[in-house]
Protein backbone atom coordinates (compact mmCIF):
# COMPACT_ATOMS: atom_id res chain seq x y z
CA MET A 1 0.00 0.00 0.00
CA ALA A 2 2.76 2.38 -0.96
CA SER A 3 0.18 4.96 -2.01
CA LEU A 4 -0.98 5.48 1.56
CA PRO A 5 0.53 8.62 3.10
CA PRO A 6 2.05 8.40 6.57
CA PRO A 7 -0.07 10.11 9.26
CA LEU A 8 0.84 13.76 9.64
CA THR A 9 0.76 13.56 13.43
CA SER A 10 3.28 10.74 13.63
CA LEU A 11 7.04 10.85 13.79
CA PRO A 12 8.84 8.04 11.97
CA PHE A 13 10.78 7.14 15.12
CA LEU A 14 10.15 7.36 18.82
CA THR A 15 12.14 6.78 21.96
CA LEU A 16 11.27 3.71 24.01
CA ALA A 17 12.36 3.91 27.62
CA LEU A 18 13.95 0.72 28.86
CA ILE A 19 12.03 0.65 32.12
CA LEU A 20 9.81 -1.76 30.29
CA ILE A 21 7.28 -4.53 30.42
CA PHE A 22 8.31 -7.30 32.82
CA VAL A 23 10.48 -4.88 34.78
CA THR A 24 8.16 -2.38 36.47
CA PRO A 25 4.74 -0.87 35.83
CA ALA A 26 6.42 2.57 35.95
CA PHE A 27 6.96 2.33 32.23
CA SER A 28 7.22 5.46 30.14
CA ILE A 29 7.29 6.11 26.45
CA SER A 30 7.02 9.18 24.27
CA ARG A 31 3.63 8.33 22.74
CA ARG A 32 0.33 9.78 23.94
CA ALA A 33 -2.13 7.88 26.12
CA LEU A 34 -5.00 10.15 27.09
CA ASP A 35 -7.41 9.73 29.99
CA HIS A 36 -10.89 10.83 28.99
CA GLY A 37 -13.66 11.16 31.53
CA HIS A 38 -16.92 9.28 31.04
CA ASP A 39 -20.22 9.41 32.91
CA HIS A 40 -20.42 6.09 34.74
CA LEU A 41 -23.84 6.81 36.25
CA MET A 42 -25.85 6.67 33.04
CA LYS A 43 -29.08 4.76 33.45
CA ASP A 44 -29.07 2.94 30.13
CA GLY A 45 -26.12 0.56 30.33
CA PHE A 46 -23.66 -0.85 32.80
CA ARG A 47 -20.01 -1.64 33.35
CA ILE A 48 -18.32 -4.90 34.27
CA THR A 49 -14.85 -5.33 35.72
CA LEU A 50 -12.56 -7.68 33.82
CA LYS A 51 -9.47 -9.40 35.11
CA HIS A 52 -6.80 -11.29 33.21
CA VAL A 53 -7.14 -15.07 33.45
CA ASP A 54 -3.63 -15.36 34.95
CA SER A 55 -3.93 -12.45 37.39
CA ALA A 56 -4.52 -14.75 40.37
CA GLY A 57 -1.57 -16.99 39.53
CA ASN A 58 1.90 -16.62 40.99
CA PHE A 59 3.51 -15.86 37.64
CA THR A 60 6.20 -13.42 36.72
CA LYS A 61 5.17 -10.94 34.09
CA PHE A 62 7.32 -12.71 31.53
CA GLU A 63 5.71 -16.07 32.39
CA ARG A 64 2.28 -14.49 31.97
CA LEU A 65 3.14 -13.36 28.43
CA GLU A 66 4.47 -16.82 27.52
CA ARG A 67 1.28 -18.46 28.80
CA ALA A 68 -0.90 -15.95 26.95
CA MET A 69 1.02 -16.44 23.71
CA LYS A 70 0.64 -20.21 23.97
CA ARG A 71 -3.13 -19.82 24.36
CA GLY A 72 -3.11 -17.31 21.51
CA ARG A 73 -1.42 -19.74 19.11
CA HIS A 74 -3.94 -22.38 20.14
CA ARG A 75 -6.79 -19.94 19.52
CA LEU A 76 -5.38 -19.03 16.11
CA GLN A 77 -5.44 -22.72 15.18
CA LYS A 78 -9.11 -22.90 16.21
CA PHE A 79 -9.96 -19.87 14.10
CA SER A 80 -8.24 -21.57 11.17
CA GLN A 81 -10.27 -24.75 11.79
CA MET A 82 -13.45 -22.71 11.64
CA VAL A 83 -12.50 -21.13 8.32
CA LEU A 84 -11.50 -24.53 6.90
CA ALA A 85 -14.79 -26.06 8.04
CA ALA A 86 -16.75 -23.22 6.42
CA THR A 87 -14.93 -23.50 3.10
CA ASP A 88 -14.83 -27.32 2.94
CA THR A 89 -18.20 -28.83 2.02
CA ASP A 90 -17.09 -32.21 3.41
CA MET A 91 -16.64 -30.83 6.92
CA LYS A 92 -20.03 -30.60 8.63
CA SER A 93 -19.25 -29.73 12.25
CA THR A 94 -19.25 -26.16 13.51
CA VAL A 95 -16.29 -25.26 15.73
CA PHE A 96 -15.80 -22.05 17.71
CA PRO A 97 -12.53 -20.59 19.07
CA GLY A 98 -13.55 -20.61 22.76
CA ASN A 99 -11.27 -19.67 25.65
CA GLY A 100 -10.10 -16.09 26.06
CA GLU A 101 -7.81 -13.89 28.11
CA PHE A 102 -10.23 -12.03 30.37
CA LEU A 103 -12.75 -13.04 33.03
CA MET A 104 -15.94 -11.14 33.83
CA LYS A 105 -17.84 -11.42 37.10
CA LEU A 106 -21.61 -11.84 37.03
CA SER A 107 -24.41 -13.57 38.91
CA ILE A 108 -27.07 -16.00 37.74
CA GLY A 109 -30.43 -17.08 39.13
CA THR A 110 -32.83 -16.06 41.88
CA PRO A 111 -31.36 -15.75 44.44
CA PRO A 112 -28.24 -14.74 42.47
CA GLU A 113 -25.14 -16.95 42.56
CA SER A 114 -21.93 -15.17 41.54
CA TYR A 115 -19.29 -16.65 39.27
CA SER A 116 -16.60 -15.64 36.80
CA ALA A 117 -16.91 -16.44 33.11
CA ILE A 118 -14.50 -16.12 30.21
CA LEU A 119 -15.24 -13.18 27.92
CA ASP A 120 -15.13 -14.22 24.25
CA THR A 121 -15.68 -11.84 21.33
CA GLY A 122 -15.14 -14.77 18.94
CA SER A 123 -18.27 -16.77 19.81
CA ASP A 124 -21.92 -16.20 20.75
CA LEU A 125 -23.21 -18.70 23.30
CA ILE A 126 -23.48 -17.81 26.99
CA TRP A 127 -23.08 -20.91 29.15
CA THR A 128 -22.16 -22.14 32.60
CA GLN A 129 -21.71 -25.55 34.17
CA CYS A 130 -24.89 -26.92 35.73
CA LYS A 131 -25.97 -29.64 38.11
CA PRO A 132 -26.45 -32.53 37.70
CA CYS A 133 -23.04 -32.75 36.03
CA GLN A 134 -22.31 -35.82 33.97
CA GLN A 135 -18.89 -34.40 33.09
CA CYS A 136 -17.66 -31.12 34.61
CA TYR A 137 -14.21 -29.62 35.04
CA ASP A 138 -13.06 -28.11 38.34
CA GLN A 139 -14.15 -24.50 38.71
CA PRO A 140 -13.37 -21.90 41.41
CA THR A 141 -17.04 -21.40 42.43
CA PRO A 142 -19.89 -23.86 43.14
CA VAL A 143 -21.58 -25.36 40.08
CA PHE A 144 -24.92 -23.69 39.35
CA ASP A 145 -27.94 -25.68 40.52
CA PRO A 146 -31.04 -24.70 38.48
CA LYS A 147 -33.33 -26.38 41.03
CA LYS A 148 -32.38 -23.70 43.57
CA SER A 149 -33.37 -20.81 41.29
CA SER A 150 -36.98 -19.62 41.01
CA SER A 151 -36.30 -17.85 37.69
CA PHE A 152 -34.83 -20.82 35.75
CA SER A 153 -36.88 -21.98 32.77
CA LYS A 154 -36.05 -24.45 30.00
CA MET A 155 -36.34 -23.05 26.51
CA ALA A 156 -38.78 -24.50 23.99
CA CYS A 157 -37.47 -26.23 20.88
CA SER A 158 -39.53 -23.81 18.78
CA SER A 159 -37.74 -20.74 20.17
CA ASP A 160 -35.66 -18.49 17.93
CA LEU A 161 -32.56 -18.98 20.07
CA CYS A 162 -32.87 -22.75 19.84
CA SER A 163 -33.05 -22.40 16.06
CA ALA A 164 -29.91 -20.22 16.15
CA LEU A 165 -27.81 -22.98 17.70
CA PRO A 166 -25.36 -24.62 15.28
CA THR A 167 -26.18 -28.07 16.71
CA SER A 168 -29.36 -28.86 18.64
CA SER A 169 -31.97 -31.55 19.21
CA CYS A 170 -35.37 -31.66 20.84
CA GLY A 171 -35.53 -33.92 23.87
CA ASP A 172 -35.92 -32.62 27.40
CA GLY A 173 -36.38 -29.14 25.95
CA CYS A 174 -33.87 -27.60 23.54
CA GLU A 175 -30.67 -29.63 23.85
CA TYR A 176 -27.46 -28.17 22.48
CA LEU A 177 -23.89 -29.11 21.63
CA TYR A 178 -21.35 -26.30 21.20
CA SER A 179 -17.83 -27.32 20.15
CA TYR A 180 -14.62 -25.33 20.50
CA GLY A 181 -12.13 -27.58 18.72
CA ASP A 182 -9.53 -30.01 20.13
CA TYR A 183 -12.37 -31.97 21.76
CA SER A 184 -13.43 -29.01 23.95
CA SER A 185 -17.21 -28.66 24.13
CA THR A 186 -20.24 -27.90 26.25
CA GLN A 187 -23.45 -29.90 26.04
CA GLY A 188 -26.71 -29.45 27.90
CA ILE A 189 -30.06 -27.66 27.92
CA LEU A 190 -30.80 -24.20 26.54
CA ALA A 191 -32.69 -22.21 29.18
CA THR A 192 -33.54 -18.70 30.30
CA GLU A 193 -32.43 -17.15 33.55
CA THR A 194 -31.95 -13.83 35.33
CA PHE A 195 -28.40 -12.52 34.98
CA THR A 196 -27.06 -9.79 37.25
CA PHE A 197 -24.20 -7.49 36.24
CA GLY A 198 -23.17 -5.42 39.23
CA LYS A 199 -26.46 -3.87 40.37
CA VAL A 200 -28.28 -4.41 37.07
CA SER A 201 -30.47 -7.53 36.76
CA VAL A 202 -31.74 -8.69 33.37
CA PRO A 203 -34.41 -11.42 33.20
CA LYS A 204 -34.87 -14.13 30.58
CA ILE A 205 -31.37 -14.26 29.13
CA GLY A 206 -30.93 -17.37 27.00
CA PHE A 207 -27.96 -19.49 28.06
CA GLY A 208 -26.58 -22.99 27.94
CA CYS A 209 -26.93 -25.00 31.13
CA GLY A 210 -23.99 -27.31 30.54
CA GLU A 211 -24.15 -30.77 32.07
CA ASP A 212 -21.33 -32.29 29.97
CA ASN A 213 -18.37 -29.94 29.57
CA GLU A 214 -15.03 -31.22 28.36
CA GLY A 215 -11.66 -29.93 27.25
CA SER A 216 -8.94 -27.56 28.36
CA GLY A 217 -8.93 -23.81 28.77
CA PHE A 218 -12.19 -23.25 30.65
CA SER A 219 -11.04 -23.94 34.21
CA GLN A 220 -10.23 -20.31 35.07
CA GLY A 221 -13.98 -19.60 35.03
CA ALA A 222 -17.33 -21.34 35.40
CA GLY A 223 -18.34 -20.89 31.77
CA LEU A 224 -18.14 -18.47 28.90
CA VAL A 225 -19.96 -15.30 27.78
CA GLY A 226 -20.10 -14.86 24.01
CA LEU A 227 -19.96 -11.29 22.73
CA GLY A 228 -20.01 -12.08 19.02
CA ARG A 229 -22.38 -10.65 16.41
CA GLY A 230 -24.88 -13.54 16.41
CA PRO A 231 -28.35 -13.85 18.03
CA LEU A 232 -27.14 -15.96 20.98
CA SER A 233 -24.57 -13.43 22.21
CA LEU A 234 -25.03 -11.28 25.31
CA VAL A 235 -24.90 -7.98 23.42
CA THR A 236 -27.56 -9.12 20.96
CA GLN A 237 -29.88 -10.50 23.63
CA LEU A 238 -29.63 -7.34 25.72
CA GLY A 239 -30.82 -5.29 22.76
CA LYS A 240 -28.01 -2.82 23.43
CA PRO A 241 -26.11 -2.91 20.14
CA LYS A 242 -23.06 -1.15 21.49
CA PHE A 243 -20.29 -2.33 23.77
CA SER A 244 -16.70 -1.40 24.44
CA TYR A 245 -13.79 -2.72 26.40
CA CYS A 246 -10.67 -1.07 27.73
CA LEU A 247 -7.79 -3.46 28.42
CA THR A 248 -4.94 -2.58 30.76
CA SER A 249 -1.35 -3.52 29.95
CA ILE A 250 -0.51 -7.21 30.04
CA ASP A 251 2.31 -6.52 32.51
CA GLU A 252 -0.07 -5.08 35.12
CA ASN A 253 -2.52 -6.66 37.56
CA LYS A 254 -4.88 -3.70 37.25
CA PRO A 255 -8.46 -4.55 36.23
CA SER A 256 -9.82 -3.90 32.75
CA THR A 257 -13.38 -2.78 31.94
CA LEU A 258 -16.30 -3.88 29.76
CA LEU A 259 -19.00 -1.28 29.05
CA ILE A 260 -22.42 -2.18 27.59
CA GLY A 261 -25.15 0.12 26.30
CA SER A 262 -24.89 3.89 26.45
CA GLN A 263 -21.87 3.71 28.73
CA ALA A 264 -19.96 2.23 25.81
CA SER A 265 -20.32 5.46 23.83
CA VAL A 266 -17.38 7.72 23.16
CA ASN A 267 -17.64 11.29 24.39
CA THR A 268 -16.69 12.85 21.07
CA SER A 269 -16.57 16.37 22.50
CA SER A 270 -13.72 15.41 24.84
CA SER A 271 -11.88 13.00 22.56
CA GLY A 272 -10.42 15.67 20.30
CA GLY A 273 -9.04 14.24 17.09
CA ASP A 274 -7.78 11.03 18.65
CA ILE A 275 -10.75 8.79 17.91
CA LYS A 276 -10.29 6.52 14.88
CA THR A 277 -13.39 4.87 13.38
CA THR A 278 -13.49 2.15 10.73
CA PRO A 279 -16.36 0.08 9.26
CA LEU A 280 -17.07 -3.42 10.51
CA VAL A 281 -17.07 -5.96 7.68
CA LYS A 282 -19.48 -8.90 7.48
CA ASN A 283 -18.36 -12.39 6.54
CA PRO A 284 -21.45 -14.52 5.75
CA SER A 285 -19.56 -17.73 6.48
CA GLN A 286 -18.34 -16.44 9.90
CA PRO A 287 -21.11 -14.03 10.96
CA SER A 288 -20.04 -13.83 14.62
CA PHE A 289 -16.57 -12.37 14.02
CA TYR A 290 -15.63 -8.70 13.98
CA TYR A 291 -13.84 -8.26 10.67
CA LEU A 292 -12.00 -5.04 9.79
CA SER A 293 -10.61 -3.86 6.47
CA LEU A 294 -6.85 -3.35 6.84
CA GLU A 295 -5.52 -1.40 3.87
CA GLY A 296 -1.86 -1.08 4.73
CA ILE A 297 0.90 -0.80 7.33
CA THR A 298 3.57 1.87 7.83
CA VAL A 299 6.82 1.19 9.72
CA GLY A 300 8.76 4.37 10.46
CA SER A 301 8.22 6.46 7.33
CA THR A 302 7.97 3.44 5.02
CA ASN A 303 4.58 2.41 3.64
CA LEU A 304 5.12 -1.30 3.17
CA PRO A 305 4.54 -2.74 -0.33
CA ILE A 306 1.81 -5.12 0.80
CA LYS A 307 -0.40 -6.45 -1.99
CA LYS A 308 -3.96 -5.17 -1.85
CA SER A 309 -5.32 -8.73 -1.75
CA THR A 310 -3.27 -9.71 1.32
CA PHE A 311 -5.87 -8.77 3.94
CA ALA A 312 -8.90 -9.07 1.66
CA LEU A 313 -11.87 -11.16 2.74
CA ASN A 314 -12.29 -13.78 0.02
CA ALA A 315 -15.59 -14.84 -1.54
CA ASP A 316 -15.36 -18.27 0.15
CA GLY A 317 -14.99 -16.63 3.60
CA SER A 318 -11.27 -17.21 3.98
CA GLY A 319 -8.66 -14.52 4.58
CA GLY A 320 -9.48 -11.14 6.07
CA LEU A 321 -8.56 -9.68 9.45
CA ILE A 322 -10.55 -9.87 12.69
CA ILE A 323 -10.13 -7.90 15.89
CA ASP A 324 -10.17 -10.20 18.90
CA SER A 325 -9.94 -9.68 22.66
CA GLY A 326 -8.93 -13.29 23.28
CA THR A 327 -5.75 -13.44 21.18
CA THR A 328 -2.70 -11.84 22.78
CA ILE A 329 -0.39 -10.71 19.97
CA THR A 330 -1.27 -9.70 16.41
CA TYR A 331 -0.90 -12.32 13.69
CA LEU A 332 -0.50 -11.08 10.12
CA GLU A 333 -0.70 -13.12 6.92
CA ASP A 334 2.80 -14.52 6.36
CA SER A 335 3.79 -12.38 3.38
CA ALA A 336 2.74 -9.17 5.17
CA PHE A 337 4.48 -10.18 8.39
CA ALA A 338 7.67 -10.88 6.43
CA LEU A 339 7.60 -7.28 5.18
CA VAL A 340 6.93 -5.92 8.69
CA LYS A 341 9.76 -8.03 10.08
CA LYS A 342 12.14 -6.87 7.33
CA ALA A 343 11.28 -3.22 7.94
CA PHE A 344 11.89 -3.43 11.69
CA THR A 345 15.12 -5.37 11.15
CA SER A 346 16.48 -2.65 8.88
CA GLN A 347 15.21 0.34 10.89
CA VAL A 348 16.01 -0.75 14.45
CA LYS A 349 19.72 -0.06 14.87
CA LEU A 350 20.35 -3.03 17.15
CA PRO A 351 21.66 -6.55 16.49
CA VAL A 352 19.02 -9.24 15.97
CA ASP A 353 18.79 -11.71 18.85
CA LYS A 354 18.48 -15.28 17.57
CA SER A 355 18.29 -17.10 20.90
CA ASN A 356 14.47 -17.43 20.73
CA SER A 357 14.43 -17.02 24.51
CA ILE A 358 11.02 -15.31 24.50
CA GLY A 359 9.32 -17.24 21.68
CA LEU A 360 8.62 -14.25 19.44
CA ASP A 361 9.71 -14.13 15.80
CA LEU A 362 11.82 -10.97 15.92
CA CYS A 363 13.94 -9.87 18.86
CA PHE A 364 16.86 -7.47 19.28
CA THR A 365 19.77 -7.40 21.72
CA LEU A 366 19.55 -4.40 24.01
CA PRO A 367 22.70 -2.36 24.57
CA SER A 368 24.16 -2.89 28.02
CA GLY A 369 23.31 -0.12 30.45
CA ALA A 370 21.15 1.83 27.98
CA SER A 371 18.15 3.67 29.45
CA SER A 372 16.31 4.06 26.16
CA VAL A 373 16.35 2.96 22.53
CA GLU A 374 14.90 4.42 19.36
CA ILE A 375 12.24 2.38 17.56
CA PRO A 376 10.27 3.08 14.39
CA ALA A 377 6.63 4.10 14.62
CA LEU A 378 4.00 1.54 13.61
CA VAL A 379 0.73 2.58 11.97
CA PHE A 380 -2.13 0.33 10.88
CA HIS A 381 -4.17 1.90 8.06
CA PHE A 382 -7.79 0.76 8.40
CA ALA A 383 -10.59 1.64 5.97
CA GLY A 384 -12.34 4.97 6.38
CA GLY A 385 -9.13 6.88 7.01
CA ALA A 386 -8.55 5.28 10.42
CA ASP A 387 -4.76 5.44 10.71
CA LEU A 388 -4.05 3.79 14.06
CA ASP A 389 -0.67 5.05 15.31
CA LEU A 390 0.24 2.60 18.06
CA PRO A 391 2.09 3.52 21.26
CA GLY A 392 5.48 1.82 21.41
CA GLU A 393 4.50 -0.45 24.32
CA ASN A 394 1.69 -1.85 22.16
CA TYR A 395 4.11 -3.54 19.79
CA MET A 396 7.57 -3.69 21.40
CA ILE A 397 8.11 -5.84 24.47
CA ALA A 398 11.41 -5.71 26.31
CA ASP A 399 13.08 -7.51 29.20
CA SER A 400 16.16 -5.69 30.42
CA SER A 401 17.16 -8.62 32.63
CA LEU A 402 17.38 -10.83 29.53
CA GLY A 403 18.75 -7.97 27.46
CA VAL A 404 16.21 -8.39 24.65
CA MET A 405 13.45 -6.38 22.99
CA CYS A 406 10.87 -8.16 20.80
CA LEU A 407 8.18 -7.30 18.28
CA ALA A 408 4.82 -8.50 19.66
CA MET A 409 3.59 -9.90 16.36
CA GLY A 410 3.72 -13.12 14.40
CA GLY A 411 2.84 -14.69 11.08
CA SER A 412 -0.28 -16.61 10.05
CA SER A 413 -1.31 -18.56 6.98
CA GLY A 414 -4.64 -17.16 5.84
CA MET A 415 -6.63 -15.24 8.45
CA SER A 416 -5.03 -12.30 10.29
CA ILE A 417 -5.88 -11.27 13.87
CA PHE A 418 -5.46 -7.88 15.56
CA GLY A 419 -4.59 -8.96 19.11
CA ASN A 420 -5.10 -7.49 22.56
CA VAL A 421 -1.53 -6.27 23.17
CA GLN A 422 -2.05 -3.90 20.25
CA GLN A 423 -5.37 -2.81 21.82
CA GLN A 424 -4.15 -2.14 25.36
CA ASN A 425 -4.96 1.26 26.86
CA MET A 426 -7.53 1.99 24.16
CA LEU A 427 -11.30 2.20 24.46
CA VAL A 428 -12.41 -0.18 21.68
CA VAL A 429 -16.03 0.62 20.80
CA HIS A 430 -18.18 -1.85 18.85
CA ASP A 431 -21.27 -0.11 17.43
CA LEU A 432 -23.45 -2.78 15.84
CA ASP A 433 -26.13 -0.30 14.73
CA LYS A 434 -23.71 1.83 12.75
CA GLU A 435 -21.54 -1.23 12.00
CA THR A 436 -18.38 0.57 13.02
CA LEU A 437 -15.47 0.01 15.37
CA SER A 438 -13.66 2.91 17.05
CA PHE A 439 -10.36 3.27 18.89
CA LEU A 440 -9.80 5.95 21.50
CA PRO A 441 -6.52 6.21 23.47
CA THR A 442 -7.51 5.87 27.14
CA GLN A 443 -5.72 5.16 30.41
CA CYS A 444 -7.78 2.04 31.09
CA ASP A 445 -6.98 1.64 34.79
CA LYS A 446 -8.48 5.12 35.37
CA LEU A 447 -11.61 4.66 33.25
C-alpha cells in the first residue's frame, strides 16, 4: 500500500524507555495515552470489571506473556479450523474458538449466585456448568444448581434462540452441543435465567446449562460469555447494540473494563481528534466475528509494499482480518508479516537476537546499560481513514534482565488477527447499529 501517506501527526521514530514490560509498571514512552472522563452513572447501560485469566496466579510478568502467547497460538489454530470447516463442504461440524484472556464477574439465578466467566468476542453462546453434572471440570465457584433458582426456565425447541444454535436436538427441551475444537465442548439444555451485572439484573437471558463440559482452557472460570455478532450473544440479547472494552497492559494486575449500552459510547466532544473509526465488515460464512478492512501498514516512514489482496476477505470466507480480545499478539498473513519483520530489522539499529528465549519471531539485543532505545513508529491503516498510530508499548516488548526487545507480532497462513496487546490502553467501541469500530486512546486503569 505504498500509495498510503504516513499520518501527519506521527514521527517516523520514537524513543522507548527501557524501564519496560516485565520490569516495572512505571513504564514510560514518548507516545500519547490520554485519559478521557466518562459518565459512569448513566441509566441505560452498565459496566463490568474484567481481570486477566492469569492475574490470580503466581507468575512473573514474563511467564504471563508466555502463557498468553501459547493460548493465543492455540486460539489461532481454532480460528483456522473454523475457516476450513466453512470452506470445505465435506466438513459438517461447527467449531468455535472458545477460551479467552479475560474473566468477567456476574451472577445468575434467583437468588443470584456469583461466578466468573471467560469473555469471548469470537463466539456467541453464553453458558455455565450446571448440576447434575455428567462431566464437569473443576471451577473456582460452586456449580450452578437450576433447582435452587426460582427464575430458571427451560427453553422451547420452537424458540428463535434454539433455532440459532449450530447443533441442537429436541428432547428434554432444547438440547445443544457447542464445540470449540480439540475436543473441547459444552453440552446441555438451553434455558432462560436472570443474569445480574453489578447492580443491574436482566431477566430471561438465553444461556446454555452445561451438564457435559469437556476440554482444556475453561477452568479459570465457570463458563463463557459470548460477545459475538450472532443472536445468541449477550450484546444481541440485551438489545443494546453497542459495547466497548478497555484493556490494561498485560504486565499489570490492574483490572480492565467492559461497558455495555450507552456507557460504551465515546464522548466525542472530549476525545479531540484522537478517535479513529473504521467500518465493521461482514463475513457470511463467519457471521459472529468482527472483521475489519486493513488497507496497509507503515513502519517508520515506510509504507510497506503489501499487496492489496493480502488482507482481503475472500468470496469463500477465507482470509481477512478480525479484531479479537482473546488473542494476545497480532498475527498477520505470512507475506505481510515478512515485510513488517524486514522493515523493523532494517530500521532498528540493534543486532538481531536469535536465541528465541522469548518465543517471538523478531527480537533485538539491548545495549548494556542503555536507558532508552529508538524504535520506528507503527501505523495500521484501516478503511475509512482510520490510521491507528500505536504507542510503542503496544508492539515492542522488552526484558532488560534478559537484554532483549521483541516485536509483539507473528505470522499466520490465511486469516489475520489484531490482538489485545495492540489494543491495550484503548477504548475499543463496537457499534453494531452503525456497523463501526472505534479506537480511542484511554488510560484504562483510570476509566
